[in-house]
Amino acid sequence: MKSHGDPAVYRSVARVLQYLSLTQLDISFAVNQVYRSMHSPQSTNLTYLKHLLRYLKEQLPMASILNATQISLTTYSDVDGASSTSDRRSTGGFLIYLGSSLIS
C-alpha cells in the first residue's frame, strides 16, 4: 500500500481524537484503530480517519457542551476511623455529583 499525505498531520489528528474519545465513548474503538496505524499511516488509514472526522462533524450539533458557570461539581466524603472494637478497621466512602447527577 502506498502512503498518502503527511504522516505528521495524521499523528496530530490522532492525538486530538484520543483526548476526544475520553468524552465521546462512541468513537473509542474507531480512535483505537486510527492510533494503531499512527507510525506508518497508509492511504486506507487516511480514508478511515476522514470517515471518522465526517461522523464527528455530523454529531457536533447533537453534542452537549458543558458551561462551567451552569454546572457545579460537589463532593461528599465520610470516614469512620477505627471505631470497630473487634478489628479496629476504618471505613470510608464518597459521592461526587456533577450538577444533580451522581457520577461516582
PDB file of N, CA and C in Angstrom:
ATOM      1  N   MET A   1       0.825  -1.190   0.000  1.00  0.00           N
ATOM      2  CA  MET A   1       0.000   0.000   0.000  1.00  0.00           C
ATOM      3  C   MET A   1       0.864   1.247   0.000  1.00  0.00           C
ATOM      4  N   LYS A   2       0.353   2.253  -0.601  1.00  0.00           N
ATOM      5  CA  LYS A   2       1.088   3.489  -0.737  1.00  0.00           C
ATOM      6  C   LYS A   2       0.696   4.467   0.372  1.00  0.00           C
ATOM      7  N   SER A   3       1.699   5.126   0.950  1.00  0.00           N
ATOM      8  CA  SER A   3       1.438   6.146   1.959  1.00  0.00           C
ATOM      9  C   SER A   3       0.843   7.372   1.271  1.00  0.00           C
ATOM     10  N   HIS A   4      -0.043   8.053   1.975  1.00  0.00           N
ATOM     11  CA  HIS A   4      -0.733   9.184   1.383  1.00  0.00           C
ATOM     12  C   HIS A   4      -0.769  10.332   2.384  1.00  0.00           C
ATOM     13  N   GLY A   5      -0.377  11.509   1.983  1.00  0.00           N
ATOM     14  CA  GLY A   5      -0.448  12.674   2.858  1.00  0.00           C
ATOM     15  C   GLY A   5       0.736  12.760   3.802  1.00  0.00           C
ATOM     16  N   ASP A   6       0.651  13.724   4.703  1.00  0.00           N
ATOM     17  CA  ASP A   6       1.712  13.995   5.658  1.00  0.00           C
ATOM     18  C   ASP A   6       1.475  13.181   6.933  1.00  0.00           C
ATOM     19  N   PRO A   7       2.376  12.262   7.268  1.00  0.00           N
ATOM     20  CA  PRO A   7       2.198  11.457   8.480  1.00  0.00           C
ATOM     21  C   PRO A   7       2.130  12.302   9.754  1.00  0.00           C
ATOM     22  N   ALA A   8       2.796  13.453   9.769  1.00  0.00           N
ATOM     23  CA  ALA A   8       2.767  14.316  10.948  1.00  0.00           C
ATOM     24  C   ALA A   8       1.357  14.852  11.199  1.00  0.00           C
ATOM     25  N   VAL A   9       0.652  15.188  10.130  1.00  0.00           N
ATOM     26  CA  VAL A   9      -0.728  15.668  10.262  1.00  0.00           C
ATOM     27  C   VAL A   9      -1.619  14.537  10.768  1.00  0.00           C
ATOM     28  N   TYR A  10      -1.431  13.347  10.224  1.00  0.00           N
ATOM     29  CA  TYR A  10      -2.202  12.184  10.659  1.00  0.00           C
ATOM     30  C   TYR A  10      -1.996  11.947  12.158  1.00  0.00           C
ATOM     31  N   ARG A  11      -0.749  11.998  12.617  1.00  0.00           N
ATOM     32  CA  ARG A  11      -0.448  11.771  14.033  1.00  0.00           C
ATOM     33  C   ARG A  11      -1.058  12.857  14.903  1.00  0.00           C
ATOM     34  N   SER A  12      -1.019  14.082  14.442  1.00  0.00           N
ATOM     35  CA  SER A  12      -1.583  15.195  15.202  1.00  0.00           C
ATOM     36  C   SER A  12      -3.092  15.033  15.388  1.00  0.00           C
ATOM     37  N   VAL A  13      -3.788  14.673  14.323  1.00  0.00           N
ATOM     38  CA  VAL A  13      -5.237  14.458  14.397  1.00  0.00           C
ATOM     39  C   VAL A  13      -5.545  13.258  15.287  1.00  0.00           C
ATOM     40  N   ALA A  14      -4.740  12.210  15.190  1.00  0.00           N
ATOM     41  CA  ALA A  14      -4.945  11.014  16.019  1.00  0.00           C
ATOM     42  C   ALA A  14      -4.818  11.351  17.497  1.00  0.00           C
ATOM     43  N   ARG A  15      -3.862  12.185  17.856  1.00  0.00           N
ATOM     44  CA  ARG A  15      -3.684  12.575  19.257  1.00  0.00           C
ATOM     45  C   ARG A  15      -4.878  13.367  19.768  1.00  0.00           C
ATOM     46  N   VAL A  16      -5.386  14.269  18.963  1.00  0.00           N
ATOM     47  CA  VAL A  16      -6.554  15.055  19.358  1.00  0.00           C
ATOM     48  C   VAL A  16      -7.764  14.136  19.542  1.00  0.00           C
ATOM     49  N   LEU A  17      -7.926  13.199  18.633  1.00  0.00           N
ATOM     50  CA  LEU A  17      -9.050  12.261  18.736  1.00  0.00           C
ATOM     51  C   LEU A  17      -8.942  11.383  19.977  1.00  0.00           C
ATOM     52  N   GLN A  18      -7.724  11.080  20.394  1.00  0.00           N
ATOM     53  CA  GLN A  18      -7.563  10.269  21.593  1.00  0.00           C
ATOM     54  C   GLN A  18      -8.129  11.003  22.803  1.00  0.00           C
ATOM     55  N   TYR A  19      -7.853  12.288  22.935  1.00  0.00           N
ATOM     56  CA  TYR A  19      -8.421  13.060  24.037  1.00  0.00           C
ATOM     57  C   TYR A  19      -9.937  13.177  23.906  1.00  0.00           C
ATOM     58  N   LEU A  20     -10.416  13.354  22.698  1.00  0.00           N
ATOM     59  CA  LEU A  20     -11.853  13.475  22.478  1.00  0.00           C
ATOM     60  C   LEU A  20     -12.582  12.181  22.831  1.00  0.00           C
ATOM     61  N   SER A  21     -11.931  11.050  22.642  1.00  0.00           N
ATOM     62  CA  SER A  21     -12.576   9.769  22.930  1.00  0.00           C
ATOM     63  C   SER A  21     -12.847   9.575  24.421  1.00  0.00           C
ATOM     64  N   LEU A  22     -12.211  10.362  25.277  1.00  0.00           N
ATOM     65  CA  LEU A  22     -12.496  10.275  26.707  1.00  0.00           C
ATOM     66  C   LEU A  22     -13.894  10.774  27.040  1.00  0.00           C
ATOM     67  N   THR A  23     -14.405  11.703  26.249  1.00  0.00           N
ATOM     68  CA  THR A  23     -15.756  12.224  26.480  1.00  0.00           C
ATOM     69  C   THR A  23     -16.775  11.687  25.484  1.00  0.00           C
ATOM     70  N   GLN A  24     -16.333  11.232  24.332  1.00  0.00           N
ATOM     71  CA  GLN A  24     -17.208  10.675  23.308  1.00  0.00           C
ATOM     72  C   GLN A  24     -16.927   9.178  23.216  1.00  0.00           C
ATOM     73  N   LEU A  25     -17.563   8.411  24.074  1.00  0.00           N
ATOM     74  CA  LEU A  25     -17.251   6.988  24.156  1.00  0.00           C
ATOM     75  C   LEU A  25     -17.619   6.219  22.891  1.00  0.00           C
ATOM     76  N   ASP A  26     -18.535   6.750  22.092  1.00  0.00           N
ATOM     77  CA  ASP A  26     -18.941   6.057  20.879  1.00  0.00           C
ATOM     78  C   ASP A  26     -17.841   5.993  19.822  1.00  0.00           C
ATOM     79  N   ILE A  27     -16.788   6.787  19.974  1.00  0.00           N
ATOM     80  CA  ILE A  27     -15.709   6.768  18.985  1.00  0.00           C
ATOM     81  C   ILE A  27     -14.455   6.067  19.512  1.00  0.00           C
ATOM     82  N   SER A  28     -14.501   5.512  20.705  1.00  0.00           N
ATOM     83  CA  SER A  28     -13.307   4.910  21.313  1.00  0.00           C
ATOM     84  C   SER A  28     -12.682   3.821  20.444  1.00  0.00           C
ATOM     85  N   PHE A  29     -13.495   2.903  19.931  1.00  0.00           N
ATOM     86  CA  PHE A  29     -12.960   1.826  19.110  1.00  0.00           C
ATOM     87  C   PHE A  29     -12.342   2.370  17.828  1.00  0.00           C
ATOM     88  N   ALA A  30     -13.030   3.301  17.184  1.00  0.00           N
ATOM     89  CA  ALA A  30     -12.530   3.868  15.928  1.00  0.00           C
ATOM     90  C   ALA A  30     -11.212   4.612  16.157  1.00  0.00           C
ATOM     91  N   VAL A  31     -11.115   5.343  17.255  1.00  0.00           N
ATOM     92  CA  VAL A  31      -9.878   6.066  17.556  1.00  0.00           C
ATOM     93  C   VAL A  31      -8.746   5.077  17.824  1.00  0.00           C
ATOM     94  N   ASN A  32      -9.055   3.976  18.480  1.00  0.00           N
ATOM     95  CA  ASN A  32      -8.047   2.942  18.708  1.00  0.00           C
ATOM     96  C   ASN A  32      -7.510   2.421  17.377  1.00  0.00           C
ATOM     97  N   GLN A  33      -8.391   2.209  16.413  1.00  0.00           N
ATOM     98  CA  GLN A  33      -7.965   1.723  15.097  1.00  0.00           C
ATOM     99  C   GLN A  33      -7.084   2.755  14.385  1.00  0.00           C
ATOM    100  N   VAL A  34      -7.433   4.024  14.519  1.00  0.00           N
ATOM    101  CA  VAL A  34      -6.621   5.095  13.925  1.00  0.00           C
ATOM    102  C   VAL A  34      -5.251   5.122  14.586  1.00  0.00           C
ATOM    103  N   TYR A  35      -5.232   4.986  15.898  1.00  0.00           N
ATOM    104  CA  TYR A  35      -3.987   5.067  16.658  1.00  0.00           C
ATOM    105  C   TYR A  35      -3.028   3.916  16.342  1.00  0.00           C
ATOM    106  N   ARG A  36      -3.569   2.764  16.016  1.00  0.00           N
ATOM    107  CA  ARG A  36      -2.731   1.599  15.727  1.00  0.00           C
ATOM    108  C   ARG A  36      -1.847   1.804  14.504  1.00  0.00           C
ATOM    109  N   SER A  37      -2.287   2.638  13.585  1.00  0.00           N
ATOM    110  CA  SER A  37      -1.513   2.866  12.359  1.00  0.00           C
ATOM    111  C   SER A  37      -0.832   4.228  12.366  1.00  0.00           C
ATOM    112  N   MET A  38      -0.653   4.790  13.539  1.00  0.00           N
ATOM    113  CA  MET A  38      -0.135   6.150  13.650  1.00  0.00           C
ATOM    114  C   MET A  38       1.306   6.297  13.147  1.00  0.00           C
ATOM    115  N   HIS A  39       2.145   5.285  13.286  1.00  0.00           N
ATOM    116  CA  HIS A  39       3.550   5.429  12.928  1.00  0.00           C
ATOM    117  C   HIS A  39       3.813   5.304  11.437  1.00  0.00           C
ATOM    118  N   SER A  40       2.977   4.561  10.736  1.00  0.00           N
ATOM    119  CA  SER A  40       3.141   4.468   9.281  1.00  0.00           C
ATOM    120  C   SER A  40       1.769   4.401   8.618  1.00  0.00           C
ATOM    121  N   PRO A  41       1.060   5.530   8.586  1.00  0.00           N
ATOM    122  CA  PRO A  41      -0.280   5.538   8.013  1.00  0.00           C
ATOM    123  C   PRO A  41      -0.276   5.284   6.511  1.00  0.00           C
ATOM    124  N   GLN A  42      -1.214   4.477   6.062  1.00  0.00           N
ATOM    125  CA  GLN A  42      -1.394   4.181   4.643  1.00  0.00           C
ATOM    126  C   GLN A  42      -2.615   4.951   4.131  1.00  0.00           C
ATOM    127  N   SER A  43      -2.855   4.899   2.856  1.00  0.00           N
ATOM    128  CA  SER A  43      -3.988   5.629   2.272  1.00  0.00           C
ATOM    129  C   SER A  43      -5.325   5.125   2.818  1.00  0.00           C
ATOM    130  N   THR A  44      -5.431   3.827   3.113  1.00  0.00           N
ATOM    131  CA  THR A  44      -6.683   3.310   3.688  1.00  0.00           C
ATOM    132  C   THR A  44      -6.900   3.846   5.099  1.00  0.00           C
ATOM    133  N   ASN A  45      -5.806   4.045   5.846  1.00  0.00           N
ATOM    134  CA  ASN A  45      -5.923   4.627   7.187  1.00  0.00           C
ATOM    135  C   ASN A  45      -6.394   6.065   7.115  1.00  0.00           C
ATOM    136  N   LEU A  46      -5.884   6.792   6.132  1.00  0.00           N
ATOM    137  CA  LEU A  46      -6.312   8.173   5.951  1.00  0.00           C
ATOM    138  C   LEU A  46      -7.791   8.239   5.592  1.00  0.00           C
ATOM    139  N   THR A  47      -8.255   7.320   4.762  1.00  0.00           N
ATOM    140  CA  THR A  47      -9.682   7.257   4.408  1.00  0.00           C
ATOM    141  C   THR A  47     -10.525   6.978   5.649  1.00  0.00           C
ATOM    142  N   TYR A  48     -10.072   6.048   6.470  1.00  0.00           N
ATOM    143  CA  TYR A  48     -10.773   5.713   7.715  1.00  0.00           C
ATOM    144  C   TYR A  48     -10.839   6.932   8.631  1.00  0.00           C
ATOM    145  N   LEU A  49      -9.731   7.672   8.734  1.00  0.00           N
ATOM    146  CA  LEU A  49      -9.691   8.873   9.558  1.00  0.00           C
ATOM    147  C   LEU A  49     -10.677   9.921   9.045  1.00  0.00           C
ATOM    148  N   LYS A  50     -10.756  10.082   7.729  1.00  0.00           N
ATOM    149  CA  LYS A  50     -11.700  11.039   7.146  1.00  0.00           C
ATOM    150  C   LYS A  50     -13.139  10.663   7.459  1.00  0.00           C
ATOM    151  N   HIS A  51     -13.453   9.367   7.407  1.00  0.00           N
ATOM    152  CA  HIS A  51     -14.806   8.912   7.753  1.00  0.00           C
ATOM    153  C   HIS A  51     -15.129   9.250   9.208  1.00  0.00           C
ATOM    154  N   LEU A  52     -14.169   9.050  10.085  1.00  0.00           N
ATOM    155  CA  LEU A  52     -14.363   9.351  11.499  1.00  0.00           C
ATOM    156  C   LEU A  52     -14.590  10.845  11.719  1.00  0.00           C
ATOM    157  N   LEU A  53     -13.815  11.673  11.033  1.00  0.00           N
ATOM    158  CA  LEU A  53     -13.991  13.118  11.158  1.00  0.00           C
ATOM    159  C   LEU A  53     -15.347  13.575  10.608  1.00  0.00           C
ATOM    160  N   ARG A  54     -15.803  12.958   9.527  1.00  0.00           N
ATOM    161  CA  ARG A  54     -17.138  13.280   8.995  1.00  0.00           C
ATOM    162  C   ARG A  54     -18.224  12.900   9.994  1.00  0.00           C
ATOM    163  N   TYR A  55     -18.063  11.746  10.626  1.00  0.00           N
ATOM    164  CA  TYR A  55     -19.020  11.309  11.639  1.00  0.00           C
ATOM    165  C   TYR A  55     -19.088  12.334  12.776  1.00  0.00           C
ATOM    166  N   LEU A  56     -17.939  12.776  13.236  1.00  0.00           N
ATOM    167  CA  LEU A  56     -17.906  13.759  14.323  1.00  0.00           C
ATOM    168  C   LEU A  56     -18.534  15.088  13.900  1.00  0.00           C
ATOM    169  N   LYS A  57     -18.326  15.468  12.657  1.00  0.00           N
ATOM    170  CA  LYS A  57     -18.918  16.707  12.158  1.00  0.00           C
ATOM    171  C   LYS A  57     -20.447  16.618  12.172  1.00  0.00           C
ATOM    172  N   GLU A  58     -20.983  15.448  11.823  1.00  0.00           N
ATOM    173  CA  GLU A  58     -22.431  15.248  11.847  1.00  0.00           C
ATOM    174  C   GLU A  58     -22.977  15.223  13.273  1.00  0.00           C
ATOM    175  N   GLN A  59     -22.187  14.707  14.211  1.00  0.00           N
ATOM    176  CA  GLN A  59     -22.627  14.586  15.597  1.00  0.00           C
ATOM    177  C   GLN A  59     -22.489  15.884  16.379  1.00  0.00           C
ATOM    178  N   LEU A  60     -21.695  16.815  15.896  1.00  0.00           N
ATOM    179  CA  LEU A  60     -21.415  18.049  16.620  1.00  0.00           C
ATOM    180  C   LEU A  60     -22.659  18.816  17.048  1.00  0.00           C
ATOM    181  N   PRO A  61     -23.664  18.999  16.185  1.00  0.00           N
ATOM    182  CA  PRO A  61     -24.842  19.732  16.647  1.00  0.00           C
ATOM    183  C   PRO A  61     -25.571  19.034  17.795  1.00  0.00           C
ATOM    184  N   MET A  62     -25.438  17.706  17.897  1.00  0.00           N
ATOM    185  CA  MET A  62     -26.116  16.983  18.959  1.00  0.00           C
ATOM    186  C   MET A  62     -25.285  16.889  20.226  1.00  0.00           C
ATOM    187  N   ALA A  63     -24.020  17.265  20.160  1.00  0.00           N
ATOM    188  CA  ALA A  63     -23.144  17.160  21.330  1.00  0.00           C
ATOM    189  C   ALA A  63     -23.540  18.189  22.365  1.00  0.00           C
ATOM    190  N   SER A  64     -23.469  17.784  23.602  1.00  0.00           N
ATOM    191  CA  SER A  64     -23.783  18.720  24.671  1.00  0.00           C
ATOM    192  C   SER A  64     -22.501  19.406  25.107  1.00  0.00           C
ATOM    193  N   ILE A  65     -22.553  20.708  25.200  1.00  0.00           N
ATOM    194  CA  ILE A  65     -21.393  21.495  25.581  1.00  0.00           C
ATOM    195  C   ILE A  65     -21.577  21.941  27.022  1.00  0.00           C
ATOM    196  N   LEU A  66     -20.592  21.633  27.851  1.00  0.00           N
ATOM    197  CA  LEU A  66     -20.666  21.986  29.259  1.00  0.00           C
ATOM    198  C   LEU A  66     -20.222  23.426  29.457  1.00  0.00           C
ATOM    199  N   ASN A  67     -20.977  24.153  30.231  1.00  0.00           N
ATOM    200  CA  ASN A  67     -20.629  25.517  30.586  1.00  0.00           C
ATOM    201  C   ASN A  67     -20.322  25.527  32.079  1.00  0.00           C
ATOM    202  N   ALA A  68     -19.105  25.860  32.441  1.00  0.00           N
ATOM    203  CA  ALA A  68     -18.665  25.773  33.832  1.00  0.00           C
ATOM    204  C   ALA A  68     -19.469  26.669  34.770  1.00  0.00           C
ATOM    205  N   THR A  69     -20.087  27.725  34.265  1.00  0.00           N
ATOM    206  CA  THR A  69     -20.860  28.602  35.138  1.00  0.00           C
ATOM    207  C   THR A  69     -22.228  28.019  35.455  1.00  0.00           C
ATOM    208  N   GLN A  70     -22.681  27.027  34.698  1.00  0.00           N
ATOM    209  CA  GLN A  70     -24.007  26.458  34.907  1.00  0.00           C
ATOM    210  C   GLN A  70     -23.979  25.144  35.672  1.00  0.00           C
ATOM    211  N   ILE A  71     -22.849  24.460  35.722  1.00  0.00           N
ATOM    212  CA  ILE A  71     -22.778  23.142  36.327  1.00  0.00           C
ATOM    213  C   ILE A  71     -21.779  23.169  37.476  1.00  0.00           C
ATOM    214  N   SER A  72     -22.196  22.569  38.586  1.00  0.00           N
ATOM    215  CA  SER A  72     -21.291  22.532  39.729  1.00  0.00           C
ATOM    216  C   SER A  72     -20.837  21.107  39.999  1.00  0.00           C
ATOM    217  N   LEU A  73     -19.650  20.976  40.535  1.00  0.00           N
ATOM    218  CA  LEU A  73     -19.101  19.694  40.946  1.00  0.00           C
ATOM    219  C   LEU A  73     -19.098  19.692  42.472  1.00  0.00           C
ATOM    220  N   THR A  74     -19.838  18.756  43.057  1.00  0.00           N
ATOM    221  CA  THR A  74     -19.982  18.696  44.507  1.00  0.00           C
ATOM    222  C   THR A  74     -19.519  17.331  45.003  1.00  0.00           C
ATOM    223  N   THR A  75     -18.730  17.318  46.056  1.00  0.00           N
ATOM    224  CA  THR A  75     -18.254  16.053  46.616  1.00  0.00           C
ATOM    225  C   THR A  75     -18.601  15.965  48.097  1.00  0.00           C
ATOM    226  N   TYR A  76     -18.880  14.747  48.527  1.00  0.00           N
ATOM    227  CA  TYR A  76     -19.133  14.451  49.927  1.00  0.00           C
ATOM    228  C   TYR A  76     -18.280  13.246  50.302  1.00  0.00           C
ATOM    229  N   SER A  77     -17.734  13.251  51.504  1.00  0.00           N
ATOM    230  CA  SER A  77     -16.984  12.088  51.973  1.00  0.00           C
ATOM    231  C   SER A  77     -17.224  11.891  53.460  1.00  0.00           C
ATOM    232  N   ASP A  78     -17.050  10.656  53.900  1.00  0.00           N
ATOM    233  CA  ASP A  78     -17.205  10.331  55.314  1.00  0.00           C
ATOM    234  C   ASP A  78     -16.235   9.200  55.641  1.00  0.00           C
ATOM    235  N   VAL A  79     -15.598   9.306  56.780  1.00  0.00           N
ATOM    236  CA  VAL A  79     -14.651   8.289  57.230  1.00  0.00           C
ATOM    237  C   VAL A  79     -14.959   7.943  58.672  1.00  0.00           C
ATOM    238  N   ASP A  80     -14.947   6.658  58.956  1.00  0.00           N
ATOM    239  CA  ASP A  80     -15.134   6.165  60.311  1.00  0.00           C
ATOM    240  C   ASP A  80     -13.804   5.534  60.722  1.00  0.00           C
ATOM    241  N   GLY A  81     -13.000   6.263  61.461  1.00  0.00           N
ATOM    242  CA  GLY A  81     -11.636   5.841  61.740  1.00  0.00           C
ATOM    243  C   GLY A  81     -11.499   4.858  62.883  1.00  0.00           C
ATOM    244  N   ALA A  82     -11.333   3.601  62.560  1.00  0.00           N
ATOM    245  CA  ALA A  82     -11.020   2.527  63.513  1.00  0.00           C
ATOM    246  C   ALA A  82     -11.988   2.451  64.684  1.00  0.00           C
ATOM    247  N   SER A  83     -13.269   2.642  64.433  1.00  0.00           N
ATOM    248  CA  SER A  83     -14.225   2.622  65.541  1.00  0.00           C
ATOM    249  C   SER A  83     -14.742   1.225  65.867  1.00  0.00           C
ATOM    250  N   SER A  84     -14.482   0.257  65.013  1.00  0.00           N
ATOM    251  CA  SER A  84     -14.902  -1.114  65.291  1.00  0.00           C
ATOM    252  C   SER A  84     -14.025  -1.692  66.396  1.00  0.00           C
ATOM    253  N   THR A  85     -14.641  -2.102  67.488  1.00  0.00           N
ATOM    254  CA  THR A  85     -13.864  -2.606  68.626  1.00  0.00           C
ATOM    255  C   THR A  85     -13.298  -3.992  68.372  1.00  0.00           C
ATOM    256  N   SER A  86     -13.885  -4.750  67.435  1.00  0.00           N
ATOM    257  CA  SER A  86     -13.393  -6.113  67.210  1.00  0.00           C
ATOM    258  C   SER A  86     -12.137  -6.161  66.336  1.00  0.00           C
ATOM    259  N   ASP A  87     -12.043  -5.337  65.293  1.00  0.00           N
ATOM    260  CA  ASP A  87     -10.870  -5.418  64.407  1.00  0.00           C
ATOM    261  C   ASP A  87     -10.204  -4.070  64.139  1.00  0.00           C
ATOM    262  N   ARG A  88     -10.728  -2.995  64.665  1.00  0.00           N
ATOM    263  CA  ARG A  88     -10.166  -1.641  64.531  1.00  0.00           C
ATOM    264  C   ARG A  88     -10.011  -1.200  63.075  1.00  0.00           C
ATOM    265  N   ARG A  89     -10.896  -1.654  62.220  1.00  0.00           N
ATOM    266  CA  ARG A  89     -10.857  -1.251  60.809  1.00  0.00           C
ATOM    267  C   ARG A  89     -11.503   0.113  60.622  1.00  0.00           C
ATOM    268  N   SER A  90     -10.979   0.815  59.633  1.00  0.00           N
ATOM    269  CA  SER A  90     -11.564   2.092  59.244  1.00  0.00           C
ATOM    270  C   SER A  90     -12.396   1.878  57.986  1.00  0.00           C
ATOM    271  N   THR A  91     -13.480   2.607  57.870  1.00  0.00           N
ATOM    272  CA  THR A  91     -14.301   2.558  56.664  1.00  0.00           C
ATOM    273  C   THR A  91     -14.493   3.973  56.152  1.00  0.00           C
ATOM    274  N   GLY A  92     -14.706   4.083  54.867  1.00  0.00           N
ATOM    275  CA  GLY A  92     -14.913   5.397  54.278  1.00  0.00           C
ATOM    276  C   GLY A  92     -15.715   5.302  53.003  1.00  0.00           C
ATOM    277  N   GLY A  93     -16.209   6.428  52.555  1.00  0.00           N
ATOM    278  CA  GLY A  93     -16.976   6.471  51.316  1.00  0.00           C
ATOM    279  C   GLY A  93     -17.021   7.888  50.778  1.00  0.00           C
ATOM    280  N   PHE A  94     -17.451   8.012  49.525  1.00  0.00           N
ATOM    281  CA  PHE A  94     -17.546   9.334  48.921  1.00  0.00           C
ATOM    282  C   PHE A  94     -18.632   9.347  47.856  1.00  0.00           C
ATOM    283  N   LEU A  95     -19.138  10.519  47.567  1.00  0.00           N
ATOM    284  CA  LEU A  95     -20.097  10.765  46.487  1.00  0.00           C
ATOM    285  C   LEU A  95     -19.600  11.960  45.693  1.00  0.00           C
ATOM    286  N   ILE A  96     -19.694  11.888  44.380  1.00  0.00           N
ATOM    287  CA  ILE A  96     -19.353  13.023  43.538  1.00  0.00           C
ATOM    288  C   ILE A  96     -20.533  13.291  42.610  1.00  0.00           C
ATOM    289  N   TYR A  97     -21.030  14.513  42.654  1.00  0.00           N
ATOM    290  CA  TYR A  97     -22.148  14.938  41.811  1.00  0.00           C
ATOM    291  C   TYR A  97     -21.663  15.952  40.779  1.00  0.00           C
ATOM    292  N   LEU A  98     -22.107  15.796  39.553  1.00  0.00           N
ATOM    293  CA  LEU A  98     -21.925  16.799  38.518  1.00  0.00           C
ATOM    294  C   LEU A  98     -23.308  17.383  38.274  1.00  0.00           C
ATOM    295  N   GLY A  99     -23.517  18.597  38.731  1.00  0.00           N
ATOM    296  CA  GLY A  99     -24.869  19.144  38.747  1.00  0.00           C
ATOM    297  C   GLY A  99     -25.692  18.344  39.733  1.00  0.00           C
ATOM    298  N   SER A 100     -26.813  17.780  39.277  1.00  0.00           N
ATOM    299  CA  SER A 100     -27.635  16.947  40.149  1.00  0.00           C
ATOM    300  C   SER A 100     -27.448  15.456  39.861  1.00  0.00           C
ATOM    301  N   SER A 101     -26.491  15.094  39.018  1.00  0.00           N
ATOM    302  CA  SER A 101     -26.257  13.706  38.635  1.00  0.00           C
ATOM    303  C   SER A 101     -25.085  13.121  39.416  1.00  0.00           C
ATOM    304  N   LEU A 102     -25.330  11.966  40.021  1.00  0.00           N
ATOM    305  CA  LEU A 102     -24.266  11.249  40.720  1.00  0.00           C
ATOM    306  C   LEU A 102     -23.361  10.591  39.683  1.00  0.00           C
ATOM    307  N   ILE A 103     -22.061  10.915  39.716  1.00  0.00           N
ATOM    308  CA  ILE A 103     -21.155  10.331  38.719  1.00  0.00           C
ATOM    309  C   ILE A 103     -20.167   9.358  39.334  1.00  0.00           C
ATOM    310  N   SER A 104     -19.985   9.385  40.649  1.00  0.00           N
ATOM    311  CA  SER A 104     -19.085   8.416  41.281  1.00  0.00           C
ATOM    312  C   SER A 104     -19.413   8.287  42.740  1.00  0.00           C
TER     313      SER A 104
END
